[in-house]
Amino acid sequence: MGAVTVCCPTCWTWSELKNSTTCKRCRTPLILPDGRSVEQAANPSPDAPPPPPGYAFNGPMASFAVAPTGMNWVALARWITFAQGALGLLAVFVVGFADQYINLPVQDPATGRVVLETFNLRPFLLGVAIGIILITALFVWLIGFAIARVIYLMLIALGILESLSRLSGAPTSVVAVALVDVLFSVGWAFVLVMSLINQSNRSARY
């Protein structure tokens, strides 16, 4: 029996049919590539039209030829978001292992003298790491919603314009960093645009 590809009409995500006939995230009934719900395919009515050619039934469950789904741009966008968070978390760990203590000038309120006081960075960096994990998890979840991807796309466009504005008269090292940031942002924006176009095409199909 071949694998069965199903789609959630609310989340517009494709997955392999297993034991549930509803989406795990929103509990919407899953549909097959030909537009029928899994429940309809598993329990066809006597007067229902026959299934399209190439679809075979076996007992209560249906075995369907896998329809080509193409690139899952939403999943790719989620992986990029996860990678961004992982890089930020790695940077926090590197700083924590490289230098545990930092000396900062602090003014003594009693004498008015400025003295160097040593602070332990690791408790602060632990809080930063937890914040990065929570924020990354939130954004990975929000990427599944089209409105969130549109807002993210607008923020990326603003970031690209801001990076380009720094190129005028900047040192070579700053220009190089800004160009790398712009290239990454353009690629990231392309993934988000493709995820929106792909979702629109699927909506129009059904």
N, C-alpha and C. Protein backbone atom coordinates (compact mmCIF):
# COMPACT_ATOMS: atom_id res chain seq x y z
N MET A 1 0.85 -1.19 0.00
CA MET A 1 0.00 0.00 0.00
C MET A 1 0.89 1.24 0.00
N GLY A 2 0.67 2.14 -0.94
CA GLY A 2 1.48 3.33 -1.04
C GLY A 2 1.10 4.37 0.00
N ALA A 3 1.99 5.34 0.17
CA ALA A 3 1.71 6.42 1.12
C ALA A 3 0.59 7.31 0.58
N VAL A 4 -0.16 7.90 1.48
CA VAL A 4 -1.28 8.76 1.12
C VAL A 4 -0.93 10.20 1.49
N THR A 5 -0.97 11.10 0.52
CA THR A 5 -0.68 12.51 0.78
C THR A 5 -1.99 13.25 0.99
N VAL A 6 -2.08 13.97 2.11
CA VAL A 6 -3.29 14.72 2.45
C VAL A 6 -2.92 16.16 2.76
N CYS A 7 -3.94 17.02 2.71
CA CYS A 7 -3.73 18.45 2.93
C CYS A 7 -4.76 18.96 3.93
N CYS A 8 -4.31 19.91 4.79
CA CYS A 8 -5.24 20.60 5.68
C CYS A 8 -5.72 21.86 4.97
N PRO A 9 -7.03 22.01 4.68
CA PRO A 9 -7.51 23.19 3.96
C PRO A 9 -7.44 24.48 4.77
N THR A 10 -7.18 24.39 6.06
CA THR A 10 -7.05 25.59 6.90
C THR A 10 -5.60 26.03 7.00
N CYS A 11 -4.70 25.10 7.36
CA CYS A 11 -3.27 25.42 7.48
C CYS A 11 -2.56 25.39 6.13
N TRP A 12 -3.11 24.70 5.14
CA TRP A 12 -2.51 24.51 3.82
C TRP A 12 -1.12 23.88 3.93
N THR A 13 -1.06 22.82 4.73
CA THR A 13 0.17 22.04 4.84
C THR A 13 -0.12 20.61 4.40
N TRP A 14 0.83 20.04 3.67
CA TRP A 14 0.70 18.67 3.17
C TRP A 14 1.46 17.73 4.09
N SER A 15 0.93 16.54 4.26
CA SER A 15 1.58 15.55 5.11
C SER A 15 1.13 14.15 4.67
N GLU A 16 1.75 13.16 5.27
CA GLU A 16 1.38 11.77 4.97
C GLU A 16 0.26 11.33 5.91
N LEU A 17 -0.78 10.73 5.36
CA LEU A 17 -1.91 10.27 6.15
C LEU A 17 -1.47 9.10 7.03
N LYS A 18 -1.80 9.22 8.32
CA LYS A 18 -1.46 8.14 9.26
C LYS A 18 -2.73 7.62 9.92
N ASN A 19 -2.92 7.89 11.21
CA ASN A 19 -4.06 7.32 11.91
C ASN A 19 -5.22 8.30 12.06
N SER A 20 -4.96 9.59 11.90
CA SER A 20 -6.01 10.59 12.13
C SER A 20 -6.52 11.13 10.80
N THR A 21 -7.82 11.42 10.75
CA THR A 21 -8.42 12.00 9.55
C THR A 21 -8.56 13.52 9.69
N THR A 22 -8.06 14.10 10.79
CA THR A 22 -8.13 15.54 11.00
C THR A 22 -6.73 16.09 11.23
N CYS A 23 -6.57 17.40 11.01
CA CYS A 23 -5.28 18.07 11.19
C CYS A 23 -4.91 18.08 12.67
N LYS A 24 -3.65 17.81 12.98
CA LYS A 24 -3.21 17.75 14.36
C LYS A 24 -3.22 19.14 15.01
N ARG A 25 -3.06 20.19 14.19
CA ARG A 25 -2.98 21.54 14.76
C ARG A 25 -4.34 22.19 14.94
N CYS A 26 -5.20 22.11 13.92
CA CYS A 26 -6.48 22.85 13.98
C CYS A 26 -7.69 21.93 13.96
N ARG A 27 -7.48 20.61 13.87
CA ARG A 27 -8.56 19.61 13.90
C ARG A 27 -9.51 19.71 12.71
N THR A 28 -9.09 20.36 11.62
CA THR A 28 -9.90 20.43 10.41
C THR A 28 -9.81 19.10 9.66
N PRO A 29 -10.93 18.58 9.10
CA PRO A 29 -10.86 17.33 8.33
C PRO A 29 -9.88 17.46 7.17
N LEU A 30 -9.02 16.47 7.01
CA LEU A 30 -8.02 16.46 5.95
C LEU A 30 -8.67 16.12 4.62
N ILE A 31 -8.08 16.66 3.54
CA ILE A 31 -8.60 16.38 2.21
C ILE A 31 -7.51 15.72 1.37
N LEU A 32 -7.94 15.01 0.34
CA LEU A 32 -7.04 14.30 -0.56
C LEU A 32 -6.72 15.17 -1.76
N PRO A 33 -5.72 14.78 -2.57
CA PRO A 33 -5.36 15.59 -3.73
C PRO A 33 -6.50 15.82 -4.72
N ASP A 34 -7.52 14.93 -4.73
CA ASP A 34 -8.63 15.11 -5.67
C ASP A 34 -9.76 15.94 -5.07
N GLY A 35 -9.60 16.46 -3.85
CA GLY A 35 -10.59 17.34 -3.24
C GLY A 35 -11.54 16.66 -2.29
N ARG A 36 -11.57 15.35 -2.23
CA ARG A 36 -12.45 14.66 -1.30
C ARG A 36 -11.83 14.63 0.09
N SER A 37 -12.67 14.59 1.11
CA SER A 37 -12.17 14.43 2.46
C SER A 37 -11.77 12.98 2.67
N VAL A 38 -10.89 12.75 3.64
CA VAL A 38 -10.46 11.38 3.94
C VAL A 38 -11.65 10.55 4.41
N GLU A 39 -12.54 11.17 5.18
CA GLU A 39 -13.72 10.46 5.67
C GLU A 39 -14.60 10.00 4.52
N GLN A 40 -14.78 10.87 3.50
CA GLN A 40 -15.59 10.50 2.34
C GLN A 40 -14.95 9.36 1.56
N ALA A 41 -13.63 9.39 1.44
CA ALA A 41 -12.94 8.33 0.69
C ALA A 41 -12.99 7.00 1.43
N ALA A 42 -12.90 7.05 2.77
CA ALA A 42 -12.90 5.82 3.54
C ALA A 42 -14.30 5.21 3.65
N ASN A 43 -15.34 6.06 3.62
CA ASN A 43 -16.72 5.58 3.75
C ASN A 43 -17.57 6.17 2.62
N PRO A 44 -17.37 5.73 1.38
CA PRO A 44 -18.12 6.30 0.26
C PRO A 44 -19.59 5.91 0.31
N SER A 45 -20.45 6.85 -0.09
CA SER A 45 -21.87 6.54 -0.14
C SER A 45 -22.17 5.71 -1.40
N PRO A 46 -23.25 4.90 -1.38
CA PRO A 46 -23.53 4.02 -2.54
C PRO A 46 -23.74 4.79 -3.84
N ASP A 47 -24.32 6.00 -3.76
CA ASP A 47 -24.60 6.75 -4.98
C ASP A 47 -23.49 7.74 -5.33
N ALA A 48 -22.35 7.67 -4.62
CA ALA A 48 -21.24 8.58 -4.92
C ALA A 48 -20.58 8.16 -6.22
N PRO A 49 -20.04 9.12 -7.00
CA PRO A 49 -19.33 8.78 -8.23
C PRO A 49 -18.06 8.01 -7.92
N PRO A 50 -17.60 7.19 -8.86
CA PRO A 50 -16.39 6.41 -8.61
C PRO A 50 -15.18 7.33 -8.47
N PRO A 51 -14.16 6.89 -7.73
CA PRO A 51 -12.95 7.71 -7.58
C PRO A 51 -12.21 7.86 -8.90
N PRO A 52 -11.39 8.89 -9.03
CA PRO A 52 -10.62 9.07 -10.26
C PRO A 52 -9.71 7.89 -10.54
N PRO A 53 -9.35 7.64 -11.80
CA PRO A 53 -8.47 6.50 -12.12
C PRO A 53 -7.16 6.59 -11.38
N GLY A 54 -6.63 5.43 -11.01
CA GLY A 54 -5.36 5.38 -10.31
C GLY A 54 -5.51 5.36 -8.80
N TYR A 55 -6.73 5.44 -8.30
CA TYR A 55 -6.97 5.42 -6.86
C TYR A 55 -7.57 4.06 -6.50
N ALA A 56 -7.01 3.38 -5.53
CA ALA A 56 -7.46 2.04 -5.16
C ALA A 56 -7.85 2.02 -3.70
N PHE A 57 -8.90 1.27 -3.40
CA PHE A 57 -9.37 1.16 -2.02
C PHE A 57 -8.97 -0.19 -1.46
N ASN A 58 -8.69 -0.22 -0.18
CA ASN A 58 -8.33 -1.46 0.49
C ASN A 58 -8.95 -1.43 1.88
N GLY A 59 -10.11 -2.07 2.05
CA GLY A 59 -10.78 -2.08 3.34
C GLY A 59 -11.31 -0.69 3.67
N PRO A 60 -11.29 -0.32 4.97
CA PRO A 60 -11.85 0.96 5.38
C PRO A 60 -10.98 2.14 5.00
N MET A 61 -9.70 1.93 4.76
CA MET A 61 -8.80 3.02 4.40
C MET A 61 -8.53 3.00 2.90
N ALA A 62 -8.13 4.14 2.37
CA ALA A 62 -7.88 4.25 0.94
C ALA A 62 -6.40 4.37 0.68
N SER A 63 -5.94 3.76 -0.39
CA SER A 63 -4.56 3.89 -0.82
C SER A 63 -4.54 4.71 -2.09
N PHE A 64 -3.83 5.81 -2.07
CA PHE A 64 -3.85 6.75 -3.18
C PHE A 64 -2.45 6.96 -3.72
N ALA A 65 -2.37 7.19 -5.02
CA ALA A 65 -1.09 7.57 -5.61
C ALA A 65 -0.70 8.94 -5.08
N VAL A 66 0.57 9.12 -4.75
CA VAL A 66 1.02 10.37 -4.14
C VAL A 66 1.08 11.46 -5.20
N ALA A 67 0.39 12.53 -4.95
CA ALA A 67 0.41 13.66 -5.89
C ALA A 67 1.63 14.51 -5.63
N PRO A 68 2.25 15.03 -6.68
CA PRO A 68 3.42 15.89 -6.47
C PRO A 68 3.03 17.17 -5.74
N THR A 69 3.72 17.45 -4.65
CA THR A 69 3.40 18.62 -3.83
C THR A 69 4.40 19.75 -4.01
N GLY A 70 5.54 19.50 -4.61
CA GLY A 70 6.52 20.55 -4.82
C GLY A 70 7.20 20.96 -3.52
N MET A 71 7.90 22.09 -3.59
CA MET A 71 8.63 22.59 -2.44
C MET A 71 7.66 23.07 -1.36
N ASN A 72 7.92 22.69 -0.12
CA ASN A 72 7.14 23.17 1.01
C ASN A 72 7.84 24.44 1.53
N TRP A 73 7.42 25.59 1.01
CA TRP A 73 8.10 26.85 1.33
C TRP A 73 7.87 27.26 2.77
N VAL A 74 6.72 26.92 3.33
CA VAL A 74 6.47 27.26 4.74
C VAL A 74 7.44 26.51 5.64
N ALA A 75 7.64 25.22 5.34
CA ALA A 75 8.59 24.43 6.14
C ALA A 75 10.00 24.99 6.00
N LEU A 76 10.38 25.41 4.78
CA LEU A 76 11.69 26.01 4.57
C LEU A 76 11.83 27.30 5.37
N ALA A 77 10.77 28.12 5.37
CA ALA A 77 10.80 29.37 6.14
C ALA A 77 10.95 29.08 7.63
N ARG A 78 10.31 28.03 8.09
CA ARG A 78 10.44 27.66 9.51
C ARG A 78 11.87 27.22 9.83
N TRP A 79 12.48 26.46 8.93
CA TRP A 79 13.85 26.01 9.16
C TRP A 79 14.82 27.20 9.18
N ILE A 80 14.59 28.18 8.31
CA ILE A 80 15.45 29.36 8.31
C ILE A 80 15.29 30.13 9.62
N THR A 81 14.04 30.27 10.08
CA THR A 81 13.80 30.94 11.36
C THR A 81 14.49 30.20 12.50
N PHE A 82 14.38 28.87 12.48
CA PHE A 82 15.04 28.06 13.50
C PHE A 82 16.56 28.23 13.44
N ALA A 83 17.11 28.29 12.22
CA ALA A 83 18.56 28.45 12.07
C ALA A 83 19.01 29.81 12.60
N GLN A 84 18.22 30.86 12.37
CA GLN A 84 18.56 32.17 12.91
C GLN A 84 18.62 32.14 14.44
N GLY A 85 17.62 31.51 15.04
CA GLY A 85 17.63 31.39 16.49
C GLY A 85 18.80 30.58 17.00
N ALA A 86 19.13 29.49 16.28
CA ALA A 86 20.25 28.65 16.69
C ALA A 86 21.58 29.40 16.62
N LEU A 87 21.76 30.25 15.59
CA LEU A 87 22.98 31.04 15.49
C LEU A 87 23.07 32.05 16.64
N GLY A 88 21.93 32.68 16.98
CA GLY A 88 21.94 33.61 18.11
C GLY A 88 22.27 32.90 19.41
N LEU A 89 21.73 31.70 19.59
CA LEU A 89 22.01 30.92 20.79
C LEU A 89 23.48 30.51 20.84
N LEU A 90 24.04 30.15 19.69
CA LEU A 90 25.46 29.78 19.62
C LEU A 90 26.34 30.97 19.99
N ALA A 91 25.96 32.16 19.52
CA ALA A 91 26.75 33.36 19.85
C ALA A 91 26.73 33.63 21.35
N VAL A 92 25.58 33.41 21.98
CA VAL A 92 25.49 33.61 23.44
C VAL A 92 26.41 32.63 24.17
N PHE A 93 26.42 31.36 23.74
CA PHE A 93 27.29 30.37 24.38
C PHE A 93 28.76 30.70 24.18
N VAL A 94 29.12 31.17 22.99
CA VAL A 94 30.51 31.53 22.72
C VAL A 94 30.96 32.66 23.64
N VAL A 95 30.11 33.68 23.77
CA VAL A 95 30.45 34.80 24.66
C VAL A 95 30.56 34.32 26.10
N GLY A 96 29.65 33.44 26.52
CA GLY A 96 29.69 32.95 27.90
C GLY A 96 30.92 32.13 28.21
N PHE A 97 31.38 31.33 27.25
CA PHE A 97 32.57 30.53 27.48
C PHE A 97 33.85 31.34 27.30
N ALA A 98 33.82 32.37 26.46
CA ALA A 98 35.02 33.16 26.19
C ALA A 98 35.35 34.09 27.34
N ASP A 99 34.33 34.70 27.94
CA ASP A 99 34.58 35.69 28.99
C ASP A 99 33.43 35.65 29.98
N GLN A 100 33.69 35.09 31.17
CA GLN A 100 32.63 34.96 32.16
C GLN A 100 32.38 36.26 32.92
N TYR A 101 33.44 37.07 33.08
CA TYR A 101 33.31 38.29 33.88
C TYR A 101 33.59 39.52 33.03
N ILE A 102 32.99 40.62 33.42
CA ILE A 102 33.20 41.89 32.72
C ILE A 102 33.32 42.99 33.78
N ASN A 103 34.23 43.93 33.52
CA ASN A 103 34.45 45.06 34.43
C ASN A 103 33.75 46.30 33.87
N LEU A 104 32.89 46.90 34.68
CA LEU A 104 32.15 48.09 34.26
C LEU A 104 32.37 49.21 35.26
N PRO A 105 32.51 50.45 34.78
CA PRO A 105 32.67 51.59 35.70
C PRO A 105 31.36 51.88 36.43
N VAL A 106 31.43 51.95 37.74
CA VAL A 106 30.27 52.22 38.58
C VAL A 106 30.60 53.36 39.53
N GLN A 107 29.69 54.33 39.65
CA GLN A 107 29.92 55.46 40.54
C GLN A 107 29.41 55.13 41.95
N ASP A 108 30.27 55.34 42.92
CA ASP A 108 29.91 55.12 44.32
C ASP A 108 29.05 56.28 44.78
N PRO A 109 27.77 56.02 45.17
CA PRO A 109 26.90 57.15 45.57
C PRO A 109 27.37 57.86 46.82
N ALA A 110 28.16 57.18 47.66
CA ALA A 110 28.61 57.81 48.90
C ALA A 110 29.77 58.76 48.66
N THR A 111 30.73 58.33 47.86
CA THR A 111 31.93 59.15 47.63
C THR A 111 31.92 59.87 46.29
N GLY A 112 31.11 59.42 45.35
CA GLY A 112 31.10 60.02 44.03
C GLY A 112 32.22 59.53 43.14
N ARG A 113 33.07 58.66 43.65
CA ARG A 113 34.18 58.13 42.86
C ARG A 113 33.68 57.03 41.92
N VAL A 114 34.31 56.96 40.76
CA VAL A 114 34.00 55.92 39.78
C VAL A 114 35.01 54.81 39.92
N VAL A 115 34.49 53.62 40.19
CA VAL A 115 35.37 52.46 40.35
C VAL A 115 34.93 51.37 39.39
N LEU A 116 35.84 50.46 39.10
CA LEU A 116 35.52 49.31 38.24
C LEU A 116 34.94 48.20 39.11
N GLU A 117 33.79 47.71 38.70
CA GLU A 117 33.14 46.63 39.42
C GLU A 117 33.00 45.43 38.49
N THR A 118 33.29 44.26 39.02
CA THR A 118 33.26 43.03 38.22
C THR A 118 31.87 42.39 38.31
N PHE A 119 31.34 42.03 37.14
CA PHE A 119 30.03 41.40 37.06
C PHE A 119 30.18 40.03 36.40
N ASN A 120 29.39 39.07 36.87
CA ASN A 120 29.35 37.74 36.27
C ASN A 120 28.33 37.75 35.13
N LEU A 121 28.81 37.50 33.92
CA LEU A 121 27.94 37.56 32.74
C LEU A 121 27.01 36.37 32.59
N ARG A 122 27.36 35.23 33.14
CA ARG A 122 26.64 34.00 32.81
C ARG A 122 25.18 33.99 33.25
N PRO A 123 24.81 34.50 34.42
CA PRO A 123 23.37 34.56 34.74
C PRO A 123 22.58 35.41 33.74
N PHE A 124 23.19 36.53 33.32
CA PHE A 124 22.52 37.38 32.33
C PHE A 124 22.41 36.66 30.99
N LEU A 125 23.50 35.99 30.57
CA LEU A 125 23.49 35.29 29.29
C LEU A 125 22.53 34.12 29.31
N LEU A 126 22.34 33.50 30.49
CA LEU A 126 21.37 32.41 30.59
C LEU A 126 19.96 32.94 30.32
N GLY A 127 19.65 34.12 30.87
CA GLY A 127 18.36 34.73 30.59
C GLY A 127 18.20 35.07 29.12
N VAL A 128 19.28 35.57 28.49
CA VAL A 128 19.24 35.88 27.06
C VAL A 128 19.00 34.61 26.24
N ALA A 129 19.68 33.52 26.62
CA ALA A 129 19.52 32.26 25.88
C ALA A 129 18.09 31.75 25.98
N ILE A 130 17.50 31.82 27.17
CA ILE A 130 16.11 31.38 27.33
C ILE A 130 15.18 32.26 26.50
N GLY A 131 15.46 33.58 26.49
CA GLY A 131 14.64 34.48 25.67
C GLY A 131 14.73 34.16 24.19
N ILE A 132 15.94 33.85 23.71
CA ILE A 132 16.12 33.49 22.29
C ILE A 132 15.34 32.22 21.97
N ILE A 133 15.38 31.22 22.85
CA ILE A 133 14.66 29.98 22.61
C ILE A 133 13.16 30.22 22.52
N LEU A 134 12.62 31.02 23.46
CA LEU A 134 11.18 31.28 23.47
C LEU A 134 10.75 32.09 22.25
N ILE A 135 11.53 33.12 21.90
CA ILE A 135 11.18 33.96 20.76
C ILE A 135 11.27 33.16 19.46
N THR A 136 12.31 32.34 19.34
CA THR A 136 12.45 31.51 18.14
C THR A 136 11.28 30.54 18.00
N ALA A 137 10.90 29.91 19.10
CA ALA A 137 9.77 28.98 19.06
C ALA A 137 8.48 29.71 18.65
N LEU A 138 8.30 30.94 19.17
CA LEU A 138 7.12 31.72 18.81
C LEU A 138 7.10 32.05 17.32
N PHE A 139 8.25 32.48 16.78
CA PHE A 139 8.29 32.85 15.37
C PHE A 139 8.16 31.63 14.46
N VAL A 140 8.72 30.51 14.87
CA VAL A 140 8.56 29.28 14.07
C VAL A 140 7.08 28.91 13.99
N TRP A 141 6.35 29.10 15.08
CA TRP A 141 4.91 28.82 15.07
C TRP A 141 4.15 29.84 14.23
N LEU A 142 4.52 31.13 14.36
CA LEU A 142 3.80 32.18 13.63
C LEU A 142 4.01 32.10 12.12
N ILE A 143 5.14 31.52 11.69
CA ILE A 143 5.42 31.41 10.26
C ILE A 143 4.32 30.63 9.55
N GLY A 144 3.60 29.78 10.25
CA GLY A 144 2.52 29.02 9.64
C GLY A 144 1.33 29.86 9.22
N PHE A 145 1.25 31.12 9.65
CA PHE A 145 0.14 32.00 9.32
C PHE A 145 0.58 33.00 8.25
N ALA A 146 -0.26 33.16 7.23
CA ALA A 146 0.09 34.03 6.10
C ALA A 146 0.29 35.48 6.55
N ILE A 147 -0.56 35.98 7.46
CA ILE A 147 -0.46 37.37 7.89
C ILE A 147 0.86 37.62 8.59
N ALA A 148 1.35 36.62 9.35
CA ALA A 148 2.64 36.76 10.01
C ALA A 148 3.77 36.83 8.99
N ARG A 149 3.67 36.04 7.92
CA ARG A 149 4.70 36.06 6.89
C ARG A 149 4.69 37.40 6.13
N VAL A 150 3.50 37.97 5.92
CA VAL A 150 3.42 39.28 5.26
C VAL A 150 4.08 40.35 6.12
N ILE A 151 3.80 40.34 7.42
CA ILE A 151 4.42 41.33 8.33
C ILE A 151 5.94 41.14 8.36
N TYR A 152 6.37 39.88 8.44
CA TYR A 152 7.80 39.59 8.44
C TYR A 152 8.45 40.08 7.15
N LEU A 153 7.76 39.89 6.03
CA LEU A 153 8.28 40.33 4.74
C LEU A 153 8.44 41.85 4.70
N MET A 154 7.48 42.58 5.26
CA MET A 154 7.57 44.03 5.31
C MET A 154 8.75 44.48 6.18
N LEU A 155 8.97 43.80 7.31
CA LEU A 155 10.10 44.15 8.17
C LEU A 155 11.43 43.87 7.47
N ILE A 156 11.48 42.78 6.71
CA ILE A 156 12.71 42.47 5.97
C ILE A 156 12.98 43.53 4.92
N ALA A 157 11.93 43.98 4.21
CA ALA A 157 12.10 45.03 3.20
C ALA A 157 12.63 46.31 3.84
N LEU A 158 12.12 46.68 5.00
CA LEU A 158 12.62 47.86 5.71
C LEU A 158 14.07 47.67 6.13
N GLY A 159 14.41 46.45 6.57
CA GLY A 159 15.79 46.16 6.95
C GLY A 159 16.75 46.26 5.77
N ILE A 160 16.30 45.82 4.58
CA ILE A 160 17.14 45.92 3.39
C ILE A 160 17.40 47.39 3.04
N LEU A 161 16.35 48.20 3.09
CA LEU A 161 16.52 49.63 2.81
C LEU A 161 17.46 50.29 3.82
N GLU A 162 17.34 49.89 5.09
CA GLU A 162 18.20 50.47 6.12
C GLU A 162 19.65 50.05 5.92
N SER A 163 19.87 48.78 5.51
CA SER A 163 21.24 48.31 5.25
C SER A 163 21.85 49.02 4.05
N LEU A 164 21.05 49.23 3.00
CA LEU A 164 21.56 49.93 1.82
C LEU A 164 21.90 51.38 2.12
N SER A 165 21.18 51.98 3.05
CA SER A 165 21.45 53.38 3.40
C SER A 165 22.79 53.55 4.11
N ARG A 166 23.31 52.46 4.70
CA ARG A 166 24.59 52.54 5.40
C ARG A 166 25.78 52.40 4.46
N LEU A 167 25.54 52.04 3.19
CA LEU A 167 26.65 51.79 2.27
C LEU A 167 27.35 53.07 1.84
N SER A 168 26.65 54.19 1.81
CA SER A 168 27.22 55.44 1.32
C SER A 168 28.29 55.96 2.29
N GLY A 169 29.52 56.00 1.80
CA GLY A 169 30.62 56.55 2.59
C GLY A 169 31.08 55.69 3.73
N ALA A 170 30.63 54.46 3.82
CA ALA A 170 31.02 53.58 4.92
C ALA A 170 32.34 52.89 4.60
N PRO A 171 33.09 52.46 5.64
CA PRO A 171 34.33 51.70 5.40
C PRO A 171 34.05 50.40 4.66
N THR A 172 35.09 49.85 4.07
CA THR A 172 34.95 48.64 3.26
C THR A 172 34.39 47.48 4.08
N SER A 173 34.86 47.34 5.32
CA SER A 173 34.39 46.24 6.15
C SER A 173 32.90 46.36 6.44
N VAL A 174 32.43 47.59 6.68
CA VAL A 174 31.00 47.81 6.94
C VAL A 174 30.19 47.52 5.69
N VAL A 175 30.70 47.93 4.53
CA VAL A 175 30.00 47.68 3.27
C VAL A 175 29.88 46.18 3.02
N ALA A 176 30.98 45.43 3.28
CA ALA A 176 30.96 43.99 3.06
C ALA A 176 29.91 43.31 3.96
N VAL A 177 29.88 43.69 5.22
CA VAL A 177 28.90 43.11 6.16
C VAL A 177 27.47 43.47 5.72
N ALA A 178 27.28 44.73 5.30
CA ALA A 178 25.95 45.17 4.88
C ALA A 178 25.50 44.41 3.64
N LEU A 179 26.42 44.17 2.69
CA LEU A 179 26.05 43.43 1.48
C LEU A 179 25.67 41.99 1.78
N VAL A 180 26.42 41.36 2.69
CA VAL A 180 26.08 39.99 3.09
C VAL A 180 24.70 39.96 3.74
N ASP A 181 24.44 40.96 4.59
CA ASP A 181 23.12 41.03 5.25
C ASP A 181 22.01 41.24 4.22
N VAL A 182 22.26 42.08 3.21
CA VAL A 182 21.26 42.33 2.18
C VAL A 182 21.00 41.07 1.37
N LEU A 183 22.06 40.35 0.99
CA LEU A 183 21.89 39.13 0.21
C LEU A 183 21.08 38.08 0.98
N PHE A 184 21.39 37.93 2.26
CA PHE A 184 20.63 36.98 3.06
C PHE A 184 19.17 37.41 3.17
N SER A 185 18.95 38.71 3.37
CA SER A 185 17.58 39.22 3.52
C SER A 185 16.79 39.03 2.23
N VAL A 186 17.44 39.23 1.07
CA VAL A 186 16.76 39.03 -0.21
C VAL A 186 16.36 37.56 -0.38
N GLY A 187 17.26 36.65 -0.04
CA GLY A 187 16.93 35.23 -0.12
C GLY A 187 15.80 34.85 0.83
N TRP A 188 15.83 35.41 2.02
CA TRP A 188 14.80 35.15 3.02
C TRP A 188 13.45 35.69 2.54
N ALA A 189 13.48 36.89 1.95
CA ALA A 189 12.25 37.48 1.41
C ALA A 189 11.70 36.64 0.27
N PHE A 190 12.58 36.08 -0.57
CA PHE A 190 12.14 35.23 -1.68
C PHE A 190 11.40 34.00 -1.15
N VAL A 191 11.93 33.38 -0.10
CA VAL A 191 11.27 32.21 0.48
C VAL A 191 9.88 32.58 1.00
N LEU A 192 9.76 33.73 1.66
CA LEU A 192 8.46 34.15 2.19
C LEU A 192 7.47 34.45 1.06
N VAL A 193 7.94 35.11 0.00
CA VAL A 193 7.07 35.41 -1.14
C VAL A 193 6.59 34.12 -1.78
N MET A 194 7.49 33.16 -1.96
CA MET A 194 7.10 31.89 -2.57
C MET A 194 6.10 31.13 -1.70
N SER A 195 6.25 31.23 -0.37
CA SER A 195 5.29 30.56 0.51
C SER A 195 3.91 31.17 0.37
N LEU A 196 3.84 32.50 0.18
CA LEU A 196 2.54 33.16 0.00
C LEU A 196 1.93 32.82 -1.36
N ILE A 197 2.76 32.79 -2.41
CA ILE A 197 2.26 32.44 -3.74
C ILE A 197 1.78 31.00 -3.78
N ASN A 198 2.54 30.11 -3.16
CA ASN A 198 2.16 28.70 -3.14
C ASN A 198 0.85 28.50 -2.40
N GLN A 199 0.66 29.22 -1.31
CA GLN A 199 -0.60 29.11 -0.56
C GLN A 199 -1.77 29.64 -1.38
N SER A 200 -1.54 30.75 -2.12
CA SER A 200 -2.60 31.30 -2.97
C SER A 200 -2.99 30.34 -4.07
N ASN A 201 -2.00 29.67 -4.66
CA ASN A 201 -2.29 28.70 -5.72
C ASN A 201 -3.10 27.52 -5.19
N ARG A 202 -2.78 27.06 -4.00
CA ARG A 202 -3.52 25.95 -3.41
C ARG A 202 -4.95 26.36 -3.08
N SER A 203 -5.10 27.61 -2.59
CA SER A 203 -6.45 28.10 -2.28
C SER A 203 -7.29 28.16 -3.54
N ALA A 204 -6.71 28.65 -4.64
CA ALA A 204 -7.44 28.74 -5.89
C ALA A 204 -7.79 27.36 -6.43
N ARG A 205 -6.93 26.38 -6.20
CA ARG A 205 -7.18 25.03 -6.71
C ARG A 205 -8.39 24.40 -6.06
N TYR A 206 -8.60 24.70 -4.79
CA TYR A 206 -9.72 24.11 -4.08
C TYR A 206 -10.85 25.09 -3.88
